[in-house]
Amino acid sequence: MIFVTSNQHKFEEAKIIIPWLERYNMDLIEPQDSIELIAMYKAIYAYSKIKKPLIVEDTGLFLDALNGFPGEYSVWLYKKIGCKGILDLLKDKDNRNGVMRTVIAYIDDKGIRLFEGKLRVTISNYERGKGFGFDPILIPEGEQFTLAENPEFKFQYSHRAIAFKNLRRFLEDENRQ
């Protein structure tokens, strides 16, 4: 199974859940729309080039106090302002809750199937731990640690882990390994 991504960290996370994944490094254009449409667009484009079953993914942070922003703009926003910028955006907000969502698009000659994972989070008041992306500010619902402080939790229960577990169940059911 091919995972098309230019992000080594995402590949390493996915490989914990689906060990037989192979990485195909390709930068993919992301039209700024819903994360579902972004994942589908990337899958169609990559499949047109590779012509083999493959997966792509897109992830977004959807903050309640900001009406779901940054959502599909999460990668762009992270590159521009990072974790500190999110903390600044929320500094005067009482509601620091949100959801991390990952959508995986699996494409083969039968079409596209989407697999989603969600993790309710609270944004911490400061960065805690060293980690990928927004991990140093994401506190999973009901927990006291950030994803950066507890990678074992992240690799088993994060939005991305849930999406990849859903994909793995599908692949095993379909015997598509």
N, C-alpha and C. Protein backbone atom coordinates (compact mmCIF):
# COMPACT_ATOMS: atom_id res chain seq x y z
N MET A 1 0.85 -1.17 0.00
CA MET A 1 0.00 0.00 0.00
C MET A 1 0.89 1.23 0.00
N ILE A 2 0.59 2.17 -0.84
CA ILE A 2 1.38 3.39 -1.00
C ILE A 2 0.70 4.54 -0.26
N PHE A 3 1.48 5.26 0.55
CA PHE A 3 1.03 6.47 1.22
C PHE A 3 1.78 7.62 0.56
N VAL A 4 1.05 8.45 -0.18
CA VAL A 4 1.66 9.59 -0.87
C VAL A 4 1.68 10.76 0.10
N THR A 5 2.89 11.15 0.50
CA THR A 5 3.05 12.28 1.41
C THR A 5 4.48 12.79 1.33
N SER A 6 4.62 14.08 1.50
CA SER A 6 5.97 14.65 1.61
C SER A 6 6.36 14.81 3.08
N ASN A 7 5.48 14.39 3.98
CA ASN A 7 5.68 14.57 5.41
C ASN A 7 6.13 13.27 6.07
N GLN A 8 7.41 13.18 6.39
CA GLN A 8 7.97 11.98 7.00
C GLN A 8 7.32 11.66 8.33
N HIS A 9 7.01 12.68 9.13
CA HIS A 9 6.40 12.46 10.44
C HIS A 9 5.04 11.77 10.31
N LYS A 10 4.22 12.23 9.39
CA LYS A 10 2.90 11.60 9.18
C LYS A 10 3.08 10.15 8.73
N PHE A 11 4.06 9.92 7.88
CA PHE A 11 4.31 8.55 7.42
C PHE A 11 4.69 7.65 8.59
N GLU A 12 5.56 8.13 9.46
CA GLU A 12 5.99 7.32 10.60
C GLU A 12 4.83 7.01 11.54
N GLU A 13 3.94 7.98 11.75
CA GLU A 13 2.74 7.73 12.57
C GLU A 13 1.87 6.66 11.93
N ALA A 14 1.64 6.78 10.63
CA ALA A 14 0.77 5.84 9.92
C ALA A 14 1.36 4.44 9.93
N LYS A 15 2.65 4.33 9.81
CA LYS A 15 3.31 3.03 9.75
C LYS A 15 3.18 2.24 11.06
N ILE A 16 2.97 2.94 12.16
CA ILE A 16 2.72 2.26 13.43
C ILE A 16 1.41 1.47 13.35
N ILE A 17 0.43 2.01 12.68
CA ILE A 17 -0.88 1.36 12.56
C ILE A 17 -0.90 0.38 11.40
N ILE A 18 -0.30 0.76 10.28
CA ILE A 18 -0.28 -0.08 9.08
C ILE A 18 1.17 -0.30 8.67
N PRO A 19 1.82 -1.33 9.23
CA PRO A 19 3.26 -1.53 9.02
C PRO A 19 3.68 -1.77 7.58
N TRP A 20 2.79 -2.24 6.74
CA TRP A 20 3.16 -2.56 5.36
C TRP A 20 3.07 -1.36 4.42
N LEU A 21 2.83 -0.16 4.95
CA LEU A 21 2.80 1.03 4.10
C LEU A 21 4.16 1.32 3.50
N GLU A 22 4.14 1.82 2.28
CA GLU A 22 5.34 2.34 1.63
C GLU A 22 5.09 3.81 1.33
N ARG A 23 6.12 4.60 1.47
CA ARG A 23 5.98 6.04 1.25
C ARG A 23 6.37 6.40 -0.18
N TYR A 24 5.56 7.24 -0.79
CA TYR A 24 5.87 7.83 -2.08
C TYR A 24 5.91 9.33 -1.82
N ASN A 25 7.06 9.94 -1.95
CA ASN A 25 7.25 11.35 -1.65
C ASN A 25 6.83 12.20 -2.84
N MET A 26 5.75 12.93 -2.65
CA MET A 26 5.24 13.81 -3.71
C MET A 26 4.56 14.99 -3.04
N ASP A 27 4.92 16.20 -3.43
CA ASP A 27 4.21 17.38 -2.98
C ASP A 27 2.91 17.47 -3.76
N LEU A 28 1.82 17.65 -3.05
CA LEU A 28 0.50 17.70 -3.69
C LEU A 28 -0.13 19.06 -3.44
N ILE A 29 -0.77 19.59 -4.45
CA ILE A 29 -1.48 20.85 -4.34
C ILE A 29 -2.72 20.64 -3.48
N GLU A 30 -3.00 21.59 -2.59
CA GLU A 30 -4.17 21.48 -1.72
C GLU A 30 -5.11 22.64 -2.01
N PRO A 31 -6.19 22.38 -2.76
CA PRO A 31 -7.17 23.45 -2.95
C PRO A 31 -7.80 23.78 -1.60
N GLN A 32 -8.01 25.03 -1.30
CA GLN A 32 -8.53 25.40 0.02
C GLN A 32 -10.04 25.23 0.04
N ASP A 33 -10.44 24.05 0.45
CA ASP A 33 -11.84 23.67 0.56
C ASP A 33 -11.94 22.81 1.80
N SER A 34 -12.95 21.99 1.94
CA SER A 34 -13.05 21.10 3.09
C SER A 34 -11.90 20.09 3.07
N ILE A 35 -11.57 19.54 4.23
CA ILE A 35 -10.47 18.58 4.24
C ILE A 35 -10.85 17.32 3.47
N GLU A 36 -12.14 17.00 3.39
CA GLU A 36 -12.57 15.86 2.58
C GLU A 36 -12.25 16.10 1.11
N LEU A 37 -12.60 17.28 0.61
CA LEU A 37 -12.33 17.58 -0.80
C LEU A 37 -10.84 17.72 -1.09
N ILE A 38 -10.09 18.24 -0.14
CA ILE A 38 -8.64 18.33 -0.31
C ILE A 38 -8.06 16.93 -0.45
N ALA A 39 -8.45 16.02 0.45
CA ALA A 39 -7.94 14.65 0.40
C ALA A 39 -8.33 13.97 -0.92
N MET A 40 -9.57 14.17 -1.36
CA MET A 40 -10.03 13.55 -2.61
C MET A 40 -9.25 14.11 -3.80
N TYR A 41 -9.06 15.41 -3.83
CA TYR A 41 -8.32 16.05 -4.92
C TYR A 41 -6.89 15.50 -4.99
N LYS A 42 -6.24 15.43 -3.83
CA LYS A 42 -4.86 14.93 -3.80
C LYS A 42 -4.80 13.47 -4.24
N ALA A 43 -5.79 12.68 -3.83
CA ALA A 43 -5.83 11.26 -4.21
C ALA A 43 -5.98 11.10 -5.72
N ILE A 44 -6.88 11.85 -6.30
CA ILE A 44 -7.11 11.75 -7.75
C ILE A 44 -5.86 12.15 -8.51
N TYR A 45 -5.23 13.24 -8.07
CA TYR A 45 -4.02 13.70 -8.74
C TYR A 45 -2.91 12.66 -8.64
N ALA A 46 -2.65 12.17 -7.42
CA ALA A 46 -1.58 11.18 -7.22
C ALA A 46 -1.86 9.90 -8.00
N TYR A 47 -3.12 9.46 -8.01
CA TYR A 47 -3.48 8.22 -8.72
C TYR A 47 -3.27 8.39 -10.23
N SER A 48 -3.52 9.60 -10.75
CA SER A 48 -3.30 9.84 -12.18
C SER A 48 -1.82 9.71 -12.55
N LYS A 49 -0.94 9.95 -11.60
CA LYS A 49 0.51 9.86 -11.84
C LYS A 49 1.04 8.45 -11.56
N ILE A 50 0.59 7.84 -10.46
CA ILE A 50 1.16 6.56 -10.00
C ILE A 50 0.42 5.36 -10.59
N LYS A 51 -0.88 5.51 -10.76
CA LYS A 51 -1.73 4.46 -11.35
C LYS A 51 -1.72 3.15 -10.55
N LYS A 52 -1.64 3.28 -9.22
CA LYS A 52 -1.72 2.14 -8.30
C LYS A 52 -2.58 2.57 -7.12
N PRO A 53 -3.20 1.61 -6.42
CA PRO A 53 -3.95 1.97 -5.21
C PRO A 53 -3.05 2.74 -4.24
N LEU A 54 -3.60 3.79 -3.64
CA LEU A 54 -2.81 4.62 -2.75
C LEU A 54 -3.71 5.35 -1.78
N ILE A 55 -3.07 5.98 -0.81
CA ILE A 55 -3.78 6.82 0.14
C ILE A 55 -3.09 8.17 0.25
N VAL A 56 -3.87 9.16 0.61
CA VAL A 56 -3.37 10.48 0.99
C VAL A 56 -4.19 10.90 2.21
N GLU A 57 -3.75 11.92 2.90
CA GLU A 57 -4.53 12.39 4.04
C GLU A 57 -4.45 13.90 4.14
N ASP A 58 -5.44 14.44 4.85
CA ASP A 58 -5.41 15.85 5.18
C ASP A 58 -5.93 15.98 6.60
N THR A 59 -5.36 16.91 7.33
CA THR A 59 -5.70 17.11 8.74
C THR A 59 -5.95 18.58 8.99
N GLY A 60 -6.89 18.87 9.88
CA GLY A 60 -7.17 20.25 10.25
C GLY A 60 -7.52 20.38 11.72
N LEU A 61 -7.21 21.54 12.26
CA LEU A 61 -7.59 21.93 13.62
C LEU A 61 -8.78 22.87 13.49
N PHE A 62 -9.89 22.50 14.11
CA PHE A 62 -11.13 23.27 14.03
C PHE A 62 -11.45 23.80 15.43
N LEU A 63 -11.26 25.11 15.63
CA LEU A 63 -11.43 25.71 16.95
C LEU A 63 -12.83 26.29 17.11
N ASP A 64 -13.48 25.92 18.21
CA ASP A 64 -14.86 26.35 18.47
C ASP A 64 -14.95 27.88 18.55
N ALA A 65 -14.05 28.52 19.28
CA ALA A 65 -14.11 29.97 19.49
C ALA A 65 -13.87 30.77 18.21
N LEU A 66 -13.29 30.11 17.19
CA LEU A 66 -12.99 30.79 15.92
C LEU A 66 -13.85 30.23 14.78
N ASN A 67 -15.03 29.72 15.14
CA ASN A 67 -15.99 29.18 14.15
C ASN A 67 -15.35 28.15 13.22
N GLY A 68 -14.51 27.29 13.78
CA GLY A 68 -13.90 26.22 12.99
C GLY A 68 -12.59 26.58 12.33
N PHE A 69 -12.16 27.82 12.43
CA PHE A 69 -10.87 28.24 11.88
C PHE A 69 -9.77 27.66 12.76
N PRO A 70 -8.64 27.24 12.26
CA PRO A 70 -8.17 27.35 10.90
C PRO A 70 -8.68 26.25 9.95
N GLY A 71 -9.20 25.14 10.45
CA GLY A 71 -9.79 24.11 9.58
C GLY A 71 -8.87 23.71 8.45
N GLU A 72 -9.37 23.84 7.22
CA GLU A 72 -8.59 23.45 6.04
C GLU A 72 -7.37 24.35 5.80
N TYR A 73 -7.27 25.44 6.54
CA TYR A 73 -6.11 26.33 6.42
C TYR A 73 -5.04 26.03 7.47
N SER A 74 -5.17 24.92 8.18
CA SER A 74 -4.28 24.61 9.31
C SER A 74 -2.81 24.54 8.91
N VAL A 75 -2.49 23.87 7.82
CA VAL A 75 -1.09 23.75 7.39
C VAL A 75 -0.54 25.14 7.06
N TRP A 76 -1.30 25.88 6.29
CA TRP A 76 -0.88 27.24 5.91
C TRP A 76 -0.68 28.10 7.16
N LEU A 77 -1.66 28.05 8.08
CA LEU A 77 -1.57 28.88 9.28
C LEU A 77 -0.40 28.46 10.14
N TYR A 78 -0.17 27.15 10.28
CA TYR A 78 0.95 26.69 11.09
C TYR A 78 2.27 27.21 10.51
N LYS A 79 2.41 27.15 9.19
CA LYS A 79 3.64 27.65 8.56
C LYS A 79 3.82 29.15 8.78
N LYS A 80 2.71 29.88 8.86
CA LYS A 80 2.79 31.34 9.02
C LYS A 80 3.00 31.76 10.47
N ILE A 81 2.24 31.15 11.42
CA ILE A 81 2.28 31.66 12.79
C ILE A 81 2.58 30.60 13.85
N GLY A 82 2.57 29.32 13.49
CA GLY A 82 2.91 28.25 14.43
C GLY A 82 2.00 28.16 15.63
N CYS A 83 2.45 27.42 16.61
CA CYS A 83 1.68 27.23 17.84
C CYS A 83 1.49 28.56 18.58
N LYS A 84 2.55 29.36 18.59
CA LYS A 84 2.47 30.65 19.30
C LYS A 84 1.35 31.51 18.72
N GLY A 85 1.19 31.48 17.41
CA GLY A 85 0.12 32.26 16.79
C GLY A 85 -1.27 31.81 17.21
N ILE A 86 -1.47 30.49 17.33
CA ILE A 86 -2.76 29.97 17.80
C ILE A 86 -3.00 30.42 19.24
N LEU A 87 -1.95 30.33 20.06
CA LEU A 87 -2.08 30.79 21.45
C LEU A 87 -2.45 32.27 21.50
N ASP A 88 -1.86 33.08 20.62
CA ASP A 88 -2.19 34.50 20.56
C ASP A 88 -3.64 34.73 20.12
N LEU A 89 -4.09 33.95 19.14
CA LEU A 89 -5.48 34.08 18.67
C LEU A 89 -6.49 33.77 19.77
N LEU A 90 -6.12 32.89 20.69
CA LEU A 90 -7.05 32.46 21.74
C LEU A 90 -6.82 33.14 23.09
N LYS A 91 -5.87 34.08 23.17
CA LYS A 91 -5.47 34.62 24.47
C LYS A 91 -6.62 35.25 25.25
N ASP A 92 -7.60 35.82 24.59
CA ASP A 92 -8.74 36.45 25.29
C ASP A 92 -10.01 35.62 25.21
N LYS A 93 -9.89 34.38 24.80
CA LYS A 93 -11.07 33.51 24.62
C LYS A 93 -11.25 32.59 25.82
N ASP A 94 -12.48 32.48 26.28
CA ASP A 94 -12.80 31.53 27.35
C ASP A 94 -12.89 30.12 26.81
N ASN A 95 -13.41 29.98 25.61
CA ASN A 95 -13.57 28.67 25.00
C ASN A 95 -12.30 28.32 24.23
N ARG A 96 -11.56 27.36 24.71
CA ARG A 96 -10.31 26.94 24.08
C ARG A 96 -10.45 25.54 23.49
N ASN A 97 -11.69 25.11 23.26
CA ASN A 97 -11.96 23.76 22.77
C ASN A 97 -11.98 23.71 21.25
N GLY A 98 -11.75 22.53 20.75
CA GLY A 98 -11.79 22.33 19.31
C GLY A 98 -11.71 20.85 18.99
N VAL A 99 -11.52 20.56 17.73
CA VAL A 99 -11.39 19.18 17.30
C VAL A 99 -10.30 19.10 16.23
N MET A 100 -9.49 18.07 16.35
CA MET A 100 -8.53 17.74 15.28
C MET A 100 -9.22 16.69 14.43
N ARG A 101 -9.21 16.91 13.12
CA ARG A 101 -9.83 15.95 12.20
C ARG A 101 -8.83 15.55 11.13
N THR A 102 -8.75 14.23 10.88
CA THR A 102 -7.95 13.69 9.79
C THR A 102 -8.88 12.95 8.85
N VAL A 103 -8.72 13.18 7.56
CA VAL A 103 -9.44 12.43 6.54
C VAL A 103 -8.42 11.77 5.63
N ILE A 104 -8.53 10.45 5.50
CA ILE A 104 -7.69 9.69 4.59
C ILE A 104 -8.53 9.34 3.37
N ALA A 105 -7.97 9.58 2.20
CA ALA A 105 -8.62 9.16 0.95
C ALA A 105 -7.87 7.97 0.40
N TYR A 106 -8.58 6.86 0.24
CA TYR A 106 -8.04 5.65 -0.38
C TYR A 106 -8.61 5.61 -1.79
N ILE A 107 -7.75 5.42 -2.79
CA ILE A 107 -8.21 5.39 -4.17
C ILE A 107 -7.63 4.16 -4.87
N ASP A 108 -8.49 3.51 -5.63
CA ASP A 108 -8.08 2.40 -6.49
C ASP A 108 -8.96 2.43 -7.73
N ASP A 109 -8.93 1.36 -8.51
CA ASP A 109 -9.71 1.37 -9.75
C ASP A 109 -11.22 1.32 -9.51
N LYS A 110 -11.64 1.14 -8.26
CA LYS A 110 -13.07 1.12 -7.93
C LYS A 110 -13.57 2.47 -7.44
N GLY A 111 -12.66 3.42 -7.22
CA GLY A 111 -13.08 4.74 -6.75
C GLY A 111 -12.36 5.17 -5.49
N ILE A 112 -12.97 6.16 -4.81
CA ILE A 112 -12.38 6.75 -3.61
C ILE A 112 -13.25 6.40 -2.41
N ARG A 113 -12.59 6.08 -1.31
CA ARG A 113 -13.26 5.88 -0.03
C ARG A 113 -12.55 6.75 1.00
N LEU A 114 -13.34 7.36 1.88
CA LEU A 114 -12.79 8.26 2.89
C LEU A 114 -12.87 7.62 4.27
N PHE A 115 -11.85 7.86 5.09
CA PHE A 115 -11.77 7.35 6.45
C PHE A 115 -11.41 8.51 7.36
N GLU A 116 -12.19 8.72 8.40
CA GLU A 116 -12.02 9.89 9.24
C GLU A 116 -11.64 9.51 10.67
N GLY A 117 -10.88 10.38 11.29
CA GLY A 117 -10.57 10.29 12.71
C GLY A 117 -10.72 11.66 13.33
N LYS A 118 -11.29 11.70 14.54
CA LYS A 118 -11.48 12.96 15.25
C LYS A 118 -10.96 12.83 16.67
N LEU A 119 -10.43 13.92 17.17
CA LEU A 119 -10.00 13.99 18.56
C LEU A 119 -10.41 15.35 19.12
N ARG A 120 -11.30 15.35 20.12
CA ARG A 120 -11.66 16.59 20.80
C ARG A 120 -10.46 17.04 21.63
N VAL A 121 -10.16 18.31 21.57
CA VAL A 121 -8.99 18.86 22.27
C VAL A 121 -9.34 20.18 22.95
N THR A 122 -8.49 20.53 23.89
CA THR A 122 -8.46 21.87 24.47
C THR A 122 -7.08 22.42 24.16
N ILE A 123 -7.01 23.69 23.87
CA ILE A 123 -5.72 24.33 23.58
C ILE A 123 -5.11 24.78 24.91
N SER A 124 -3.89 24.33 25.15
CA SER A 124 -3.19 24.70 26.39
C SER A 124 -2.90 26.20 26.40
N ASN A 125 -2.44 26.71 27.53
CA ASN A 125 -2.11 28.13 27.65
C ASN A 125 -0.70 28.45 27.17
N TYR A 126 0.12 27.41 27.01
CA TYR A 126 1.49 27.60 26.53
C TYR A 126 1.95 26.28 25.91
N GLU A 127 3.02 26.31 25.14
CA GLU A 127 3.55 25.11 24.51
C GLU A 127 4.16 24.20 25.57
N ARG A 128 3.84 22.90 25.45
CA ARG A 128 4.33 21.91 26.41
C ARG A 128 4.83 20.69 25.65
N GLY A 129 6.12 20.42 25.77
CA GLY A 129 6.71 19.28 25.09
C GLY A 129 7.17 19.63 23.69
N LYS A 130 7.97 18.76 23.13
CA LYS A 130 8.45 18.91 21.75
C LYS A 130 7.66 17.95 20.88
N GLY A 131 7.12 18.46 19.80
CA GLY A 131 6.33 17.58 18.95
C GLY A 131 6.08 18.18 17.59
N PHE A 132 5.34 17.45 16.82
CA PHE A 132 5.02 17.79 15.44
C PHE A 132 3.81 18.72 15.39
N GLY A 133 3.87 19.72 14.53
CA GLY A 133 2.72 20.59 14.30
C GLY A 133 2.20 21.23 15.57
N PHE A 134 0.89 21.14 15.75
CA PHE A 134 0.23 21.74 16.91
C PHE A 134 0.30 20.87 18.16
N ASP A 135 0.96 19.70 18.10
CA ASP A 135 0.99 18.77 19.23
C ASP A 135 1.35 19.42 20.57
N PRO A 136 2.28 20.40 20.63
CA PRO A 136 2.65 20.98 21.93
C PRO A 136 1.53 21.80 22.59
N ILE A 137 0.44 22.09 21.88
CA ILE A 137 -0.65 22.87 22.48
C ILE A 137 -1.97 22.10 22.53
N LEU A 138 -1.99 20.86 22.08
CA LEU A 138 -3.23 20.08 22.02
C LEU A 138 -3.36 19.15 23.21
N ILE A 139 -4.34 19.42 24.07
CA ILE A 139 -4.64 18.57 25.21
C ILE A 139 -5.86 17.73 24.84
N PRO A 140 -5.72 16.40 24.76
CA PRO A 140 -6.88 15.56 24.44
C PRO A 140 -7.97 15.71 25.52
N GLU A 141 -9.22 15.67 25.08
CA GLU A 141 -10.35 15.79 26.00
C GLU A 141 -10.22 14.79 27.14
N GLY A 142 -10.38 15.29 28.37
CA GLY A 142 -10.32 14.44 29.54
C GLY A 142 -8.91 14.16 30.05
N GLU A 143 -7.90 14.71 29.41
CA GLU A 143 -6.51 14.45 29.80
C GLU A 143 -5.86 15.74 30.31
N GLN A 144 -4.67 15.61 30.88
CA GLN A 144 -3.92 16.76 31.40
C GLN A 144 -2.66 17.06 30.61
N PHE A 145 -2.29 16.18 29.68
CA PHE A 145 -1.05 16.30 28.92
C PHE A 145 -1.35 16.75 27.49
N THR A 146 -0.31 17.31 26.84
CA THR A 146 -0.44 17.60 25.41
C THR A 146 -0.01 16.37 24.62
N LEU A 147 -0.38 16.35 23.35
CA LEU A 147 0.05 15.23 22.50
C LEU A 147 1.58 15.16 22.41
N ALA A 148 2.24 16.31 22.48
CA ALA A 148 3.71 16.32 22.44
C ALA A 148 4.30 15.70 23.70
N GLU A 149 3.61 15.81 24.82
CA GLU A 149 4.11 15.25 26.07
C GLU A 149 3.86 13.75 26.20
N ASN A 150 2.95 13.22 25.39
CA ASN A 150 2.61 11.80 25.52
C ASN A 150 2.48 11.16 24.13
N PRO A 151 3.61 10.91 23.45
CA PRO A 151 3.55 10.34 22.11
C PRO A 151 2.89 8.96 22.05
N GLU A 152 2.99 8.18 23.13
CA GLU A 152 2.35 6.86 23.14
C GLU A 152 0.84 7.01 22.99
N PHE A 153 0.26 7.96 23.71
CA PHE A 153 -1.17 8.24 23.58
C PHE A 153 -1.47 8.67 22.15
N LYS A 154 -0.66 9.59 21.66
CA LYS A 154 -0.88 10.12 20.31
C LYS A 154 -0.87 9.00 19.28
N PHE A 155 0.10 8.12 19.34
CA PHE A 155 0.23 7.07 18.33
C PHE A 155 -0.92 6.06 18.39
N GLN A 156 -1.62 6.00 19.50
CA GLN A 156 -2.73 5.05 19.63
C GLN A 156 -4.12 5.68 19.51
N TYR A 157 -4.29 6.94 19.95
CA TYR A 157 -5.64 7.49 20.08
C TYR A 157 -5.86 8.83 19.40
N SER A 158 -4.89 9.34 18.69
CA SER A 158 -5.06 10.65 18.05
C SER A 158 -6.02 10.56 16.87
N HIS A 159 -6.38 11.69 16.35
CA HIS A 159 -7.22 11.81 15.15
C HIS A 159 -6.62 11.00 14.00
N ARG A 160 -5.31 11.11 13.82
CA ARG A 160 -4.65 10.39 12.72
C ARG A 160 -4.65 8.88 12.99
N ALA A 161 -4.38 8.48 14.23
CA ALA A 161 -4.39 7.05 14.58
C ALA A 161 -5.77 6.46 14.34
N ILE A 162 -6.82 7.17 14.73
CA ILE A 162 -8.19 6.67 14.54
C ILE A 162 -8.48 6.50 13.05
N ALA A 163 -8.12 7.49 12.25
CA ALA A 163 -8.36 7.41 10.80
C ALA A 163 -7.61 6.23 10.19
N PHE A 164 -6.35 6.05 10.59
CA PHE A 164 -5.57 4.93 10.03
C PHE A 164 -6.07 3.58 10.54
N LYS A 165 -6.58 3.52 11.75
CA LYS A 165 -7.19 2.27 12.23
C LYS A 165 -8.44 1.95 11.43
N ASN A 166 -9.24 2.96 11.11
CA ASN A 166 -10.42 2.74 10.27
C ASN A 166 -10.02 2.24 8.89
N LEU A 167 -8.99 2.83 8.31
CA LEU A 167 -8.49 2.38 7.01
C LEU A 167 -7.98 0.95 7.11
N ARG A 168 -7.24 0.65 8.15
CA ARG A 168 -6.68 -0.70 8.29
C ARG A 168 -7.79 -1.75 8.36
N ARG A 169 -8.86 -1.46 9.13
CA ARG A 169 -9.99 -2.40 9.20
C ARG A 169 -10.56 -2.64 7.81
N PHE A 170 -10.71 -1.56 7.04
CA PHE A 170 -11.23 -1.70 5.68
C PHE A 170 -10.30 -2.57 4.83
N LEU A 171 -9.01 -2.29 4.88
CA LEU A 171 -8.04 -3.05 4.08
C LEU A 171 -8.03 -4.53 4.47
N GLU A 172 -8.09 -4.79 5.75
CA GLU A 172 -8.13 -6.18 6.20
C GLU A 172 -9.42 -6.87 5.78
N ASP A 173 -10.54 -6.16 5.90
CA ASP A 173 -11.83 -6.73 5.47
C ASP A 173 -11.86 -7.00 3.99
N GLU A 174 -11.25 -6.11 3.24
CA GLU A 174 -11.22 -6.24 1.78
C GLU A 174 -10.04 -7.08 1.32
N ASN A 175 -9.18 -7.44 2.28
CA ASN A 175 -7.97 -8.22 1.98
C ASN A 175 -7.11 -7.53 0.93
N ARG A 176 -6.89 -6.22 1.11
CA ARG A 176 -6.17 -5.40 0.14
C ARG A 176 -4.74 -5.12 0.57
N GLN A 177 -4.20 -5.90 1.44
CA GLN A 177 -2.84 -5.64 1.92
C GLN A 177 -1.88 -5.78 0.78
